[in-house]
Amino acid sequence: MEFTHIYTSGEDGQCLTIKNKKISNLTCLPEKLPELFQLTISGRISNRTLQIPMNFTSFKGLPKKLPLLKYIQVYDSSLPNLESLTAEMPRLKSIMFYNCHLHNFKGIPEKIQSFGLHDCTVDSFEGLEADYHDILNPKFNRLFLNNTTFSSLHGISRTTLYSILIEYFSKFGNFYTPTNFTPKGMELLNECINREIYDTYNPLEFVRRNLHHIAPSGEFERFSIDSYIEEQGVDFFINILDDHRIEYPSQNWNEDKSAGGYDMEDWVYALNLEEQLFLPDKIDHLLKFYEKSATELALQYRSDPKSLPKEQIQRLIHEADYQILSILENDHHSNLLPDDILMAEISKKFAVSTNNGKILL
C-alpha cells in the first residue's frame, strides 16, 4: 500500500505529516513514536488551497503511547467520531480540524487546551462537554467554530449552546452560513435572542447603524456596508467610529483586558452578557426540539410513523444519511410500506443523475 509520510525534526521532537488520500486509518505507522511532537494528516498540496479529499476516517493504528505529542491537525477528512483516538497523550494541547466532516464528538480527549474546527461540517454535538470546551473563556481557543456549519444541536449542553450562539450571532451569522437547520430549527434558533440587547451590543449591528452617519455621500451606494466590513474587518470600522467620537457601547464589558479581547471581542467574551442576551424559555424550546438524535427519530418512525410530529419528520429527512436509511429499510423490524413517503424523500438525497438522464438510487 502506498504510504506517504514526511518526518521533520525540531527542538521539541519529530513532526509527522501524512499525505495520502487512500488511507483510512493509521495502521501503517510504527508501533512506537516516542519523539512525535506534531501529527498532521493532510490532503493539501504545499499548504495551498488546493485540497485532495481523503478517505481518512479513524485514528486506528496510532501508537498506544505518545509521550511528547502536543499538536494534531487533520485536513480534508471525514470522521464518524473520535473514539479511535485512545492513545496516551499526556502533553496534548491542541486538535484542529480543517475542511473536515465530523458526525459527532464522542471520544474527544479530556482536558485538552484548544480544540477548533475551520471550514468544517458537524452533524451532532454529542460527546462535547462544556467543562473544558467553553469558548466563552478567553483563555480557550477563540475560533472554536470558524466558518463551520452545524446541522443539528443534538447532544449539546446548555453552556456550550450559549457559547456557540454568541459566536454565531456576533460573527458567523453575518458573513457565513454556519447553520444547516430545517426552517423550524432556524425559527427556534432566532427566537432565543433578546433583540434589544443584540442590537445594542453586537459590534456588527453597531457598525451598521453608525457608519452611515460618517460615510461620505454616495459611499455605500455601490457596495453594501456588510461587504465593506467583510473586507476591512469590524475592528477597523470601530476605530473609525471612535475617531468620530461615536463610542462603542460594549467596550467595558471585559474588565480584564489581559485575558484577551479587542473592542469587538469584548461582546463575544462577555461572560455576564448571556444572562441578558438569551431568553431561557426559548432556549428550552430549542434544546427540546433537538433532544432526540436522528437515529432515535428513525427508530420511532419505523415503529410507528404516526407518532412522529411533522416538524420532526422534516428534521429526520434533513439530517438523514445512509445509516438512517438502512435503519428505516430494516425488514425485520420495520412497519413501513414499500412506498413510504419519508423513505422516498430520504432516498432522493442519495440519487445520482447519469449522462443519459436516468436517476440511480
Foldseek 3Di string as FASTA:
>chain_A
DDWDWDWDADPLFIEIETADQEDQEQLVDDLDRQRYAEYEYAQDDPPDPDGDAHNHAAHPNDHQEHARYAEYEYERYEYAEHLRVRHHYPRHAEYEYEQYEYAEHANPDPPHQEYAYANYEYEEDARDDCPRVQCLQLSGDVHRDHLYAYEAHARPDPRNVLLVLLVCLQPCVQPHHRYDYDPVLVVLSVVFWDVVLSCQQRLVNVLQVPVVVPDPPPPCVVPHPSVVCVVPPSVVSQVVCVVVVNHRPQQPLDVDVVSDDDSNCSSSNNPVCSVVTTDVVSSVVSCVLRHDHLQVVLLVCQQPVVVDDPSVLVSNLSSDDPVSLVSSVPPVRGPDDPVDPSSVSSVVVVWDADPVGDIDD
